[in-house]
Amino acid sequence: MTGLANRLPRRLVAALAAPAVVFIAMFYLWPVASLVAKAVTLDSVRAVLHDRQLRAVLWFTTWQALVSTVATIAIGLIPAWLLARYEFTGRRALTALVTVPFVLPTVVVGAAFLALLPDSLDQSVTAILLAHVFFNVAVVVRGVGGLWEQLPQDLVAAARTLGASPLRAMREVTIPLLAPAIYASASVVYLFTFTSFGVVRLLGGPANPTLEVEIWQRATRLGDVGVAAVLSVAQLLILGIAVIWFSRIQANHLVALGLHPLNERRRARSRRERISVLAICTAIVVAICMPLAALAERSMRTGSGHTLAAWRSVFGGATPSQHPVANGSVANSPVDALGSITTSLRVAIVAMAISLVIGGCAAFAIAALGRSGRVLDTGIMLPLGTSAVTIGFGLILAFDTPPFDWRAAPLLIPLGHALVATPFVVRLLLPTLRSIDPQLRAAAASLGASPIRAWREIDLRFSARPLLTAAGFALAISLGEFGATTFLTRRGRATLPIAIEQLLNRPGALLHAQGFVLATVLATLTIGVIGAVEALRGWSDRRA
């Protein structure tokens, strides 16, 4: 009875849940409803159904996502196998390196491959597929590799004893056992590649638009809001069907296994194994570092060769409209490059604060509610199943008339970013809150502590570290957010991703170099934030 008596008062739980309920209702459900109600009409639906170009866009979006997913799974299984089965010097560093592409903003990945690939592959499907594999391979390594480490090795050993070759044992034993994790990773990769925006905007060109790009073009450049809204709703339905389909396949491949907490990784024994491990490690390092190195190199390349002119023009105090070139002339710039850095940092800090407050309160409420908190948990996760372009489009449509004419309000951008970041805050905080031993609260109650004091002294203290991690991820997500921001940005308030896209889509060697400078800066900021979070977590673990 002590544990029951020490539960949080219902009023406090309701107060914790209220910010998230209001936030999701006002900035997600209302915009999505406005998208459907204001713009989806019979005429716009008929226009979409009879437009051959739109059917071609849908077909391209679908098949490029499928090819990207299959390629990512096939390539990602190699580092997943290596990191799950072998112990070698530098393994932890390689694991961290594999994760780097996934934390990079999509516009940075697009810029990196624009810098790396030859001009013959510019605005090509090949460039899109390569960038998608680069960005998403960490999903496979983390998702499949985590299960691979725990698979009982005696099953593979038995197959080898019966005469199966290593390849056959992999195909007929290991892969079927890994099927649930493979399908789960495939579903995530498919969603990311189906809704790809930043990569396609930079690498696909006008000949290869996805649904995301087509929605943006119809809504902002062509003024065809009705068709854009129909495409947004159609995309939501397709993504919902895809999630259900992947979930059913995953459920059909579930197998009860005697998983070990962690199988001991072994060092390569034979010369052939050592060569294989070294070759794969080298290939991983080269594949990840080459695009980033090309990005930095292109930031120093202009029409006159390699110089620091682009860096000086960004950080040297030149006016936003004119930047000096090496020969003394000037080049017009469409953005205030240095101002975009300041804008991004300011927006990211505000978005981080909003997502921490909303997500933190929601996580505490969900943990206190137990099973009845599933509805709130599902509501918080809804923005993750919606493309960022649709979120931005919906916000513009919802807040375009008094008394909520907020289209030009600076706060609308961090609110849009917080919609995307808040689910990550909840997911990072909930496991810790659910793992707190109820006996701690019971002991606090037996010593006379009120439920609120026990919550403050136990739950809040245990949540300090995951909140710090969540703050770092929210900051990184906001810094790189591109899809919703393309709708919400107003002249003079371009964030880094917007500035990068504008510079790289303008003619001129110096402007392109400036775009690569900002992409390098954004990549450095993002990696720095995530690196600082990991360092603080390691320091906290050592202290504990």
Protein backbone atom coordinates (compact mmCIF):
# COMPACT_ATOMS: atom_id res chain seq x y z
CA MET A 1 0.00 0.00 0.00
CA THR A 2 2.96 2.29 0.54
CA GLY A 3 3.78 2.35 -3.17
CA LEU A 4 0.17 3.17 -4.03
CA ALA A 5 0.05 5.93 -1.43
CA ASN A 6 3.18 7.46 -2.87
CA ARG A 7 1.77 7.92 -6.37
CA LEU A 8 1.64 11.44 -7.76
CA PRO A 9 -1.63 13.30 -7.28
CA ARG A 10 -3.89 13.19 -10.30
CA ARG A 11 -3.91 16.95 -10.54
CA LEU A 12 -0.13 17.05 -10.86
CA VAL A 13 -0.16 14.31 -13.52
CA ALA A 14 -2.84 16.22 -15.44
CA ALA A 15 -0.78 19.40 -15.15
CA LEU A 16 2.27 17.57 -16.54
CA ALA A 17 0.27 16.13 -19.45
CA ALA A 18 -1.54 19.38 -20.31
CA PRO A 19 1.38 21.18 -22.10
CA ALA A 20 1.93 18.24 -24.45
CA VAL A 21 -1.79 17.85 -25.16
CA VAL A 22 -2.17 21.55 -25.98
CA PHE A 23 1.06 21.59 -27.99
CA ILE A 24 0.16 18.61 -30.17
CA ALA A 25 -3.46 19.73 -30.60
CA MET A 26 -2.55 23.29 -31.56
CA PHE A 27 0.61 22.82 -33.62
CA TYR A 28 0.06 19.38 -35.16
CA LEU A 29 -3.60 18.27 -35.22
CA TRP A 30 -4.99 21.70 -36.08
CA PRO A 31 -2.48 22.31 -38.92
CA VAL A 32 -3.11 18.86 -40.38
CA ALA A 33 -6.86 19.37 -40.13
CA SER A 34 -6.47 22.81 -41.73
CA LEU A 35 -4.48 21.22 -44.53
CA VAL A 36 -7.36 18.88 -45.30
CA ALA A 37 -10.22 21.28 -44.71
CA LYS A 38 -8.88 24.38 -46.45
CA ALA A 39 -7.18 22.97 -49.48
CA VAL A 40 -8.41 19.46 -50.31
CA THR A 41 -11.36 19.83 -52.66
CA LEU A 42 -12.97 17.64 -55.29
CA ASP A 43 -11.36 19.72 -58.03
CA SER A 44 -7.87 19.39 -56.52
CA VAL A 45 -8.29 15.63 -56.05
CA ARG A 46 -9.47 15.29 -59.66
CA ALA A 47 -6.50 17.39 -60.84
CA VAL A 48 -4.06 15.09 -59.06
CA LEU A 49 -5.66 11.90 -60.37
CA HIS A 50 -5.54 13.10 -63.99
CA ASP A 51 -2.02 14.54 -63.88
CA ARG A 52 0.48 12.16 -65.51
CA GLN A 53 3.42 14.16 -64.19
CA LEU A 54 2.25 13.67 -60.60
CA ARG A 55 1.82 9.95 -61.15
CA ALA A 56 5.40 9.87 -62.44
CA VAL A 57 6.56 11.73 -59.32
CA LEU A 58 4.77 9.22 -57.08
CA TRP A 59 6.27 6.29 -58.99
CA PHE A 60 9.78 7.78 -58.78
CA THR A 61 9.38 8.49 -55.05
CA THR A 62 8.27 4.91 -54.44
CA TRP A 63 10.88 3.04 -56.43
CA GLN A 64 13.84 5.19 -55.38
CA ALA A 65 12.84 4.62 -51.74
CA LEU A 66 12.65 0.85 -52.32
CA VAL A 67 16.02 0.73 -54.09
CA SER A 68 17.59 2.96 -51.43
CA THR A 69 16.22 0.69 -48.69
CA VAL A 70 17.45 -2.54 -50.29
CA ALA A 71 20.89 -1.04 -50.98
CA THR A 72 21.16 0.32 -47.44
CA ILE A 73 20.26 -3.04 -45.90
CA ALA A 74 22.67 -4.94 -48.16
CA ILE A 75 25.58 -2.59 -47.46
CA GLY A 76 24.74 -2.00 -43.79
CA LEU A 77 24.85 -5.73 -42.96
CA ILE A 78 28.61 -5.73 -43.59
CA PRO A 79 29.63 -3.24 -40.85
CA ALA A 80 26.84 -4.66 -38.63
CA TRP A 81 28.43 -8.13 -38.90
CA LEU A 82 31.93 -6.79 -38.32
CA LEU A 83 31.05 -4.74 -35.22
CA ALA A 84 28.83 -7.48 -33.76
CA ARG A 85 31.26 -10.37 -34.11
CA TYR A 86 34.82 -9.02 -33.93
CA GLU A 87 36.87 -7.21 -31.32
CA PHE A 88 39.72 -5.07 -32.62
CA THR A 89 41.66 -1.94 -31.81
CA GLY A 90 39.60 1.14 -32.63
CA ARG A 91 36.26 -0.69 -32.63
CA ARG A 92 34.52 1.91 -30.44
CA ALA A 93 35.84 4.74 -32.60
CA LEU A 94 34.62 2.96 -35.75
CA THR A 95 31.18 2.44 -34.18
CA ALA A 96 30.98 6.17 -33.45
CA LEU A 97 32.17 7.02 -36.96
CA VAL A 98 29.46 4.86 -38.55
CA THR A 99 26.86 6.88 -36.62
CA VAL A 100 28.18 10.25 -37.84
CA PRO A 101 26.29 10.35 -41.19
CA PHE A 102 22.95 9.75 -39.47
CA VAL A 103 23.32 12.75 -37.15
CA LEU A 104 24.27 15.05 -40.02
CA PRO A 105 21.54 17.30 -41.47
CA THR A 106 20.25 16.04 -44.81
CA VAL A 107 21.25 19.27 -46.52
CA VAL A 108 24.85 18.67 -45.36
CA VAL A 109 24.78 15.14 -46.77
CA GLY A 110 23.46 16.51 -50.05
CA ALA A 111 26.16 19.19 -50.14
CA ALA A 112 28.86 16.63 -49.32
CA PHE A 113 27.92 14.40 -52.25
CA LEU A 114 27.54 17.43 -54.49
CA ALA A 115 31.15 18.21 -53.60
CA LEU A 116 32.35 14.62 -53.96
CA LEU A 117 30.70 13.33 -57.12
CA PRO A 118 31.78 14.32 -60.64
CA ASP A 119 29.65 16.75 -62.64
CA SER A 120 28.36 13.85 -64.77
CA LEU A 121 26.46 12.52 -61.73
CA ASP A 122 25.08 15.90 -60.72
CA GLN A 123 21.24 15.91 -60.59
CA SER A 124 21.09 12.15 -61.09
CA VAL A 125 19.30 9.23 -59.46
CA THR A 126 22.68 7.64 -58.69
CA ALA A 127 23.67 10.63 -56.56
CA ILE A 128 20.39 10.41 -54.62
CA LEU A 129 20.78 6.67 -53.96
CA LEU A 130 24.40 7.01 -52.82
CA ALA A 131 23.51 9.82 -50.43
CA HIS A 132 20.56 7.86 -49.02
CA VAL A 133 22.74 4.83 -48.32
CA PHE A 134 25.40 7.03 -46.70
CA PHE A 135 22.85 8.73 -44.47
CA ASN A 136 20.87 5.65 -43.38
CA VAL A 137 23.46 2.89 -43.01
CA ALA A 138 23.75 3.65 -39.27
CA VAL A 139 20.10 2.58 -38.86
CA VAL A 140 21.03 -0.92 -40.03
CA VAL A 141 24.25 -1.08 -38.01
CA ARG A 142 22.48 -0.06 -34.81
CA GLY A 143 19.22 -1.93 -35.38
CA VAL A 144 20.51 -5.20 -36.82
CA GLY A 145 23.89 -5.16 -35.08
CA GLY A 146 22.26 -4.93 -31.66
CA LEU A 147 20.38 -8.20 -32.25
CA TRP A 148 23.33 -9.83 -34.02
CA GLU A 149 25.47 -9.43 -30.90
CA GLN A 150 22.96 -11.47 -28.90
CA LEU A 151 22.26 -14.32 -31.35
CA PRO A 152 23.23 -17.73 -29.96
CA GLN A 153 26.33 -18.74 -31.89
CA ASP A 154 25.75 -22.47 -31.42
CA LEU A 155 23.08 -22.45 -34.14
CA VAL A 156 25.57 -21.27 -36.75
CA ALA A 157 28.18 -23.69 -35.37
CA ALA A 158 25.72 -26.56 -35.74
CA ALA A 159 25.05 -25.62 -39.36
CA ARG A 160 28.78 -25.49 -40.08
CA THR A 161 29.24 -28.89 -38.41
CA LEU A 162 26.62 -30.31 -40.76
CA GLY A 163 28.63 -29.14 -43.75
CA ALA A 164 27.15 -25.73 -44.52
CA SER A 165 29.55 -23.17 -45.93
CA PRO A 166 29.87 -19.82 -44.12
CA LEU A 167 27.78 -18.16 -46.84
CA ARG A 168 25.05 -20.83 -46.67
CA ALA A 169 24.99 -20.68 -42.85
CA MET A 170 24.59 -16.91 -43.12
CA ARG A 171 21.79 -17.21 -45.69
CA GLU A 172 19.81 -20.04 -44.08
CA VAL A 173 20.44 -19.51 -40.35
CA THR A 174 21.66 -16.04 -39.44
CA ILE A 175 19.60 -13.92 -41.84
CA PRO A 176 16.25 -15.58 -40.92
CA LEU A 177 17.02 -15.04 -37.24
CA LEU A 178 17.85 -11.40 -37.94
CA ALA A 179 14.70 -10.89 -40.05
CA PRO A 180 12.70 -8.95 -37.40
CA ALA A 181 15.54 -6.45 -36.93
CA ILE A 182 16.13 -6.24 -40.69
CA TYR A 183 12.48 -5.45 -41.41
CA ALA A 184 12.35 -2.95 -38.54
CA SER A 185 15.43 -1.17 -39.91
CA ALA A 186 14.04 -1.36 -43.44
CA SER A 187 10.82 0.34 -42.35
CA VAL A 188 12.77 3.24 -40.83
CA VAL A 189 15.01 3.59 -43.88
CA TYR A 190 12.02 3.45 -46.23
CA LEU A 191 10.22 6.21 -44.35
CA PHE A 192 13.32 8.40 -44.40
CA THR A 193 14.00 7.88 -48.10
CA PHE A 194 10.35 8.18 -49.14
CA THR A 195 10.14 11.58 -47.42
CA SER A 196 13.64 12.67 -48.48
CA PHE A 197 13.76 16.40 -49.13
CA GLY A 198 17.15 18.01 -48.48
CA VAL A 199 19.10 15.35 -50.37
CA VAL A 200 16.75 15.44 -53.36
CA ARG A 201 16.62 19.23 -53.45
CA LEU A 202 20.39 19.43 -53.81
CA LEU A 203 21.16 16.28 -55.81
CA GLY A 204 18.03 15.42 -57.78
CA GLY A 205 17.46 18.59 -59.73
CA PRO A 206 14.19 19.46 -61.48
CA ALA A 207 14.16 16.15 -63.38
CA ASN A 208 14.00 13.95 -60.26
CA PRO A 209 11.50 15.40 -57.76
CA THR A 210 10.06 13.32 -54.94
CA LEU A 211 6.63 13.95 -53.42
CA GLU A 212 8.25 16.15 -50.78
CA VAL A 213 9.87 18.37 -53.40
CA GLU A 214 6.72 18.44 -55.52
CA ILE A 215 4.62 19.53 -52.52
CA TRP A 216 7.05 22.36 -51.83
CA GLN A 217 7.17 23.45 -55.48
CA ARG A 218 3.39 23.41 -55.88
CA ALA A 219 2.78 25.33 -52.65
CA THR A 220 5.54 27.95 -52.85
CA ARG A 221 6.54 28.39 -56.48
CA LEU A 222 3.38 27.55 -58.44
CA GLY A 223 0.82 28.68 -55.87
CA ASP A 224 -1.17 25.48 -56.41
CA VAL A 225 -2.08 25.02 -52.75
CA GLY A 226 -4.94 22.59 -53.43
CA VAL A 227 -2.81 20.07 -55.32
CA ALA A 228 -0.01 20.43 -52.78
CA ALA A 229 -2.46 19.66 -49.97
CA VAL A 230 -3.82 16.59 -51.77
CA LEU A 231 -0.27 15.33 -52.25
CA SER A 232 0.46 15.87 -48.54
CA VAL A 233 -2.59 13.89 -47.50
CA ALA A 234 -1.77 11.16 -50.02
CA GLN A 235 1.74 10.96 -48.61
CA LEU A 236 0.38 10.57 -45.07
CA LEU A 237 -1.84 7.69 -46.22
CA ILE A 238 0.99 5.97 -48.09
CA LEU A 239 3.30 6.24 -45.08
CA GLY A 240 0.59 4.85 -42.80
CA ILE A 241 0.06 1.87 -45.11
CA ALA A 242 3.82 1.30 -45.32
CA VAL A 243 4.20 1.32 -41.52
CA ILE A 244 1.35 -1.20 -41.10
CA TRP A 245 2.77 -3.43 -43.84
CA PHE A 246 6.27 -3.44 -42.37
CA SER A 247 4.88 -4.09 -38.88
CA ARG A 248 2.92 -7.14 -40.08
CA ILE A 249 5.92 -8.56 -41.90
CA GLN A 250 8.08 -8.03 -38.85
CA ALA A 251 5.50 -9.77 -36.65
CA ASN A 252 5.33 -12.74 -39.05
CA HIS A 253 9.09 -13.24 -38.76
CA LEU A 254 9.33 -13.11 -34.98
CA VAL A 255 11.13 -16.15 -33.56
CA ALA A 256 11.57 -17.04 -29.90
CA LEU A 257 15.30 -17.17 -29.26
CA GLY A 258 17.47 -17.82 -26.26
CA LEU A 259 19.30 -14.52 -26.56
CA HIS A 260 22.45 -13.98 -24.59
CA PRO A 261 22.96 -10.58 -22.91
CA LEU A 262 26.03 -10.11 -25.07
CA ASN A 263 28.06 -12.72 -26.89
CA GLU A 264 31.76 -12.25 -26.46
CA ARG A 265 33.28 -10.77 -29.58
CA ARG A 266 36.46 -12.47 -30.72
CA ARG A 267 39.61 -11.25 -32.40
CA ALA A 268 40.43 -12.32 -35.93
CA ARG A 269 42.53 -15.47 -35.78
CA SER A 270 43.59 -16.45 -39.26
CA ARG A 271 45.44 -14.27 -41.74
CA ARG A 272 42.38 -14.25 -43.99
CA GLU A 273 40.17 -13.00 -41.17
CA ARG A 274 42.65 -10.26 -40.24
CA ILE A 275 42.84 -9.08 -43.85
CA SER A 276 39.04 -9.10 -44.11
CA VAL A 277 38.60 -7.09 -40.91
CA LEU A 278 41.26 -4.58 -41.96
CA ALA A 279 39.80 -4.23 -45.47
CA ILE A 280 36.25 -3.64 -44.20
CA CYS A 281 37.43 -1.15 -41.57
CA THR A 282 39.40 0.74 -44.20
CA ALA A 283 36.46 0.77 -46.60
CA ILE A 284 34.13 2.12 -43.87
CA VAL A 285 36.54 4.90 -42.89
CA VAL A 286 37.10 5.92 -46.53
CA ALA A 287 33.39 5.79 -47.41
CA ILE A 288 32.42 8.04 -44.48
CA CYS A 289 35.36 10.44 -44.52
CA MET A 290 35.55 11.06 -48.28
CA PRO A 291 32.30 13.06 -48.60
CA LEU A 292 33.17 15.15 -45.53
CA ALA A 293 36.69 15.75 -46.78
CA ALA A 294 35.32 16.74 -50.21
CA LEU A 295 32.97 19.18 -48.49
CA ALA A 296 35.85 20.92 -46.72
CA GLU A 297 37.96 20.91 -49.90
CA ARG A 298 35.21 22.47 -52.02
CA SER A 299 34.80 25.26 -49.46
CA MET A 300 38.30 26.37 -50.45
CA ARG A 301 37.90 25.99 -54.21
CA THR A 302 36.80 28.89 -56.39
CA GLY A 303 37.22 29.71 -60.05
CA SER A 304 40.75 30.94 -59.36
CA GLY A 305 41.86 27.77 -57.54
CA HIS A 306 42.10 26.93 -53.85
CA THR A 307 41.84 30.00 -51.61
CA LEU A 308 40.24 31.05 -48.34
CA ALA A 309 38.19 33.72 -50.12
CA ALA A 310 34.88 32.02 -49.30
CA TRP A 311 35.78 31.66 -45.63
CA ARG A 312 36.88 35.31 -45.46
CA SER A 313 33.70 36.44 -47.20
CA VAL A 314 31.58 34.58 -44.65
CA PHE A 315 33.48 35.52 -41.50
CA GLY A 316 35.34 38.63 -42.64
CA GLY A 317 32.54 41.12 -42.13
CA ALA A 318 31.57 41.74 -45.76
CA THR A 319 28.08 43.08 -46.44
CA PRO A 320 25.33 40.51 -47.05
CA SER A 321 24.88 41.58 -50.66
CA GLN A 322 28.49 41.81 -51.80
CA HIS A 323 31.51 39.67 -50.99
CA PRO A 324 35.07 40.29 -52.21
CA VAL A 325 36.65 37.83 -54.59
CA ALA A 326 40.34 37.08 -54.75
CA ASN A 327 40.95 39.39 -57.75
CA GLY A 328 39.37 42.38 -56.01
CA SER A 329 35.96 42.22 -57.66
CA VAL A 330 32.75 41.43 -55.80
CA ALA A 331 30.11 38.72 -56.01
CA ASN A 332 26.47 39.13 -55.11
CA SER A 333 25.21 36.84 -52.36
CA PRO A 334 21.54 35.97 -51.88
CA VAL A 335 21.92 35.50 -48.09
CA ASP A 336 23.65 36.91 -45.04
CA ALA A 337 25.90 33.91 -44.46
CA LEU A 338 27.19 34.95 -41.06
CA GLY A 339 23.71 36.05 -39.98
CA SER A 340 22.32 32.63 -40.85
CA ILE A 341 24.70 31.03 -38.33
CA THR A 342 23.44 33.35 -35.60
CA THR A 343 19.82 32.73 -36.62
CA SER A 344 20.27 28.95 -36.56
CA LEU A 345 21.84 29.00 -33.10
CA ARG A 346 19.14 31.29 -31.72
CA VAL A 347 16.32 29.19 -33.22
CA ALA A 348 17.94 25.94 -32.04
CA ILE A 349 18.25 27.14 -28.46
CA VAL A 350 14.59 28.22 -28.34
CA ALA A 351 13.44 24.97 -29.99
CA MET A 352 15.54 22.96 -27.53
CA ALA A 353 13.98 24.77 -24.57
CA ILE A 354 10.43 24.22 -25.90
CA SER A 355 11.00 20.53 -26.65
CA LEU A 356 12.61 19.91 -23.24
CA VAL A 357 9.70 21.49 -21.38
CA ILE A 358 6.98 19.81 -23.47
CA GLY A 359 8.76 16.47 -23.84
CA GLY A 360 9.97 16.36 -20.25
CA CYS A 361 6.50 17.02 -18.81
CA ALA A 362 4.98 14.49 -21.21
CA ALA A 363 7.51 11.79 -20.28
CA PHE A 364 6.84 12.26 -16.55
CA ALA A 365 3.08 12.10 -17.17
CA ILE A 366 3.32 8.99 -19.37
CA ALA A 367 5.50 7.21 -16.80
CA ALA A 368 3.08 8.11 -13.99
CA LEU A 369 0.00 7.05 -15.97
CA GLY A 370 1.35 3.60 -16.84
CA ARG A 371 -0.72 1.81 -19.48
CA SER A 372 -3.24 4.63 -19.66
CA GLY A 373 -0.42 6.89 -20.85
CA ARG A 374 -0.25 5.12 -24.22
CA VAL A 375 -2.65 7.58 -25.83
CA LEU A 376 -0.47 10.53 -24.86
CA ASP A 377 2.65 8.63 -25.92
CA THR A 378 1.14 7.88 -29.34
CA GLY A 379 0.06 11.50 -29.79
CA ILE A 380 3.57 12.75 -29.06
CA MET A 381 4.98 10.36 -31.68
CA LEU A 382 2.60 11.48 -34.47
CA PRO A 383 4.92 14.19 -35.90
CA LEU A 384 7.60 11.55 -36.49
CA GLY A 385 5.26 9.76 -38.90
CA THR A 386 4.61 12.99 -40.80
CA SER A 387 7.02 14.58 -43.22
CA ALA A 388 8.59 17.87 -42.15
CA VAL A 389 7.36 19.50 -45.36
CA THR A 390 3.76 18.57 -44.49
CA ILE A 391 4.23 19.97 -40.97
CA GLY A 392 5.54 23.27 -42.29
CA PHE A 393 2.82 23.47 -44.95
CA GLY A 394 0.12 22.79 -42.35
CA LEU A 395 1.47 25.43 -39.97
CA ILE A 396 1.38 28.08 -42.69
CA LEU A 397 -2.22 27.21 -43.61
CA ALA A 398 -3.39 27.06 -39.98
CA PHE A 399 -1.86 30.34 -38.83
CA ASP A 400 -2.67 32.59 -41.77
CA THR A 401 -5.73 34.48 -40.47
CA PRO A 402 -6.43 36.66 -37.40
CA PRO A 403 -6.32 36.24 -34.49
CA PHE A 404 -3.63 33.65 -35.24
CA ASP A 405 -1.86 35.25 -38.19
CA TRP A 406 1.58 34.04 -37.16
CA ARG A 407 3.11 33.40 -40.58
CA ALA A 408 5.71 36.12 -40.02
CA ALA A 409 6.19 35.40 -36.30
CA PRO A 410 9.80 34.42 -35.51
CA LEU A 411 8.57 31.91 -32.90
CA LEU A 412 6.82 29.76 -35.52
CA ILE A 413 10.14 28.32 -36.77
CA PRO A 414 11.35 26.99 -33.37
CA LEU A 415 7.82 25.70 -32.71
CA GLY A 416 7.99 23.70 -35.94
CA HIS A 417 11.42 22.39 -34.97
CA ALA A 418 10.17 21.48 -31.49
CA LEU A 419 7.41 19.34 -33.03
CA VAL A 420 10.11 17.15 -34.57
CA ALA A 421 12.45 17.19 -31.54
CA THR A 422 9.91 16.57 -28.76
CA PRO A 423 9.33 12.85 -29.60
CA PHE A 424 13.08 12.25 -29.25
CA VAL A 425 13.08 13.91 -25.82
CA VAL A 426 10.27 11.60 -24.69
CA ARG A 427 11.94 8.49 -26.10
CA LEU A 428 15.25 9.31 -24.41
CA LEU A 429 13.67 10.08 -21.03
CA LEU A 430 10.99 7.37 -20.71
CA PRO A 431 13.29 4.32 -20.36
CA THR A 432 15.03 5.90 -17.36
CA LEU A 433 11.77 6.86 -15.66
CA ARG A 434 10.31 3.39 -16.20
CA SER A 435 13.44 1.70 -14.84
CA ILE A 436 13.34 3.50 -11.47
CA ASP A 437 12.83 0.94 -8.71
CA PRO A 438 9.40 1.50 -7.09
CA GLN A 439 10.98 0.50 -3.80
CA LEU A 440 12.86 3.81 -3.78
CA ARG A 441 9.59 5.71 -3.75
CA ALA A 442 8.18 3.32 -1.14
CA ALA A 443 11.23 3.91 1.05
CA ALA A 444 10.84 7.66 0.66
CA ALA A 445 7.18 7.41 1.64
CA SER A 446 8.01 5.30 4.71
CA LEU A 447 10.41 8.05 5.81
CA GLY A 448 7.63 10.60 5.61
CA ALA A 449 8.25 12.12 2.17
CA SER A 450 5.17 13.30 0.32
CA PRO A 451 4.58 11.94 -3.22
CA ILE A 452 5.62 15.28 -4.72
CA ARG A 453 8.83 15.42 -2.65
CA ALA A 454 9.66 11.79 -3.51
CA TRP A 455 9.11 12.58 -7.19
CA ARG A 456 11.35 15.65 -6.92
CA GLU A 457 14.14 13.87 -5.04
CA ILE A 458 14.09 10.59 -7.02
CA ASP A 459 12.55 10.97 -10.48
CA LEU A 460 13.95 14.42 -11.22
CA ARG A 461 17.45 13.45 -10.11
CA PHE A 462 17.48 10.25 -12.15
CA SER A 463 16.26 12.17 -15.20
CA ALA A 464 19.10 14.72 -15.18
CA ARG A 465 21.41 12.74 -17.48
CA PRO A 466 18.83 11.68 -20.09
CA LEU A 467 17.53 15.27 -20.14
CA LEU A 468 21.04 16.45 -20.92
CA THR A 469 21.28 13.92 -23.75
CA ALA A 470 17.85 14.95 -25.01
CA ALA A 471 18.90 18.62 -24.98
CA GLY A 472 21.86 17.82 -27.22
CA PHE A 473 19.76 15.83 -29.68
CA ALA A 474 17.05 18.52 -29.76
CA LEU A 475 19.70 21.15 -30.48
CA ALA A 476 21.22 19.06 -33.28
CA ILE A 477 17.79 18.31 -34.80
CA SER A 478 16.86 21.99 -34.86
CA LEU A 479 20.19 23.03 -36.36
CA GLY A 480 19.67 20.70 -39.32
CA GLU A 481 15.90 20.94 -39.84
CA PHE A 482 15.17 21.85 -43.45
CA GLY A 483 11.77 20.62 -44.63
CA ALA A 484 9.42 22.62 -42.39
CA THR A 485 11.78 25.59 -42.37
CA THR A 486 11.44 26.07 -46.13
CA PHE A 487 7.80 27.08 -45.53
CA LEU A 488 8.35 29.03 -42.31
CA THR A 489 11.43 31.10 -43.16
CA ARG A 490 11.00 34.75 -44.07
CA ARG A 491 13.43 37.07 -45.83
CA GLY A 492 16.32 38.05 -43.59
CA ARG A 493 15.84 35.11 -41.19
CA ALA A 494 17.37 32.22 -43.15
CA THR A 495 18.75 29.38 -41.05
CA LEU A 496 21.92 27.53 -42.03
CA PRO A 497 20.20 24.77 -44.09
CA ILE A 498 18.17 27.39 -46.01
CA ALA A 499 21.26 29.52 -46.64
CA ILE A 500 23.22 26.48 -47.85
CA GLU A 501 20.51 25.51 -50.33
CA GLN A 502 20.18 29.07 -51.63
CA LEU A 503 23.92 29.47 -52.17
CA LEU A 504 24.42 26.09 -53.85
CA ASN A 505 21.52 26.69 -56.26
CA ARG A 506 22.91 30.03 -57.49
CA PRO A 507 25.50 30.26 -60.27
CA GLY A 508 29.00 31.35 -59.35
CA ALA A 509 32.06 29.58 -57.99
CA LEU A 510 32.37 31.84 -54.95
CA LEU A 511 28.71 31.46 -54.00
CA HIS A 512 29.06 27.69 -54.22
CA ALA A 513 32.18 27.83 -52.08
CA GLN A 514 30.27 29.91 -49.52
CA GLY A 515 27.55 27.25 -49.48
CA PHE A 516 30.16 24.58 -48.83
CA VAL A 517 31.64 26.77 -46.06
CA LEU A 518 28.27 26.94 -44.32
CA ALA A 519 27.72 23.20 -44.85
CA THR A 520 31.12 22.54 -43.23
CA VAL A 521 30.19 24.83 -40.33
CA LEU A 522 26.84 23.10 -39.87
CA ALA A 523 28.44 19.65 -39.97
CA THR A 524 31.02 20.75 -37.40
CA LEU A 525 28.34 22.21 -35.11
CA THR A 526 26.18 19.09 -35.32
CA ILE A 527 29.05 16.65 -34.72
CA GLY A 528 30.34 18.90 -31.93
CA VAL A 529 26.97 18.92 -30.15
CA ILE A 530 26.55 15.14 -30.36
CA GLY A 531 30.20 14.62 -29.38
CA ALA A 532 29.80 16.86 -26.34
CA VAL A 533 26.70 14.93 -25.28
CA GLU A 534 28.52 11.61 -25.57
CA ALA A 535 31.53 13.00 -23.67
CA LEU A 536 29.31 14.25 -20.85
CA ARG A 537 27.52 10.91 -20.71
CA GLY A 538 30.85 9.12 -20.47
CA TRP A 539 32.02 11.48 -17.72
CA SER A 540 28.76 10.95 -15.85
CA ASP A 541 29.08 7.17 -16.19
CA ARG A 542 32.61 7.28 -14.76
CA ARG A 543 31.44 9.36 -11.81
CA ALA A 544 28.58 6.97 -11.19
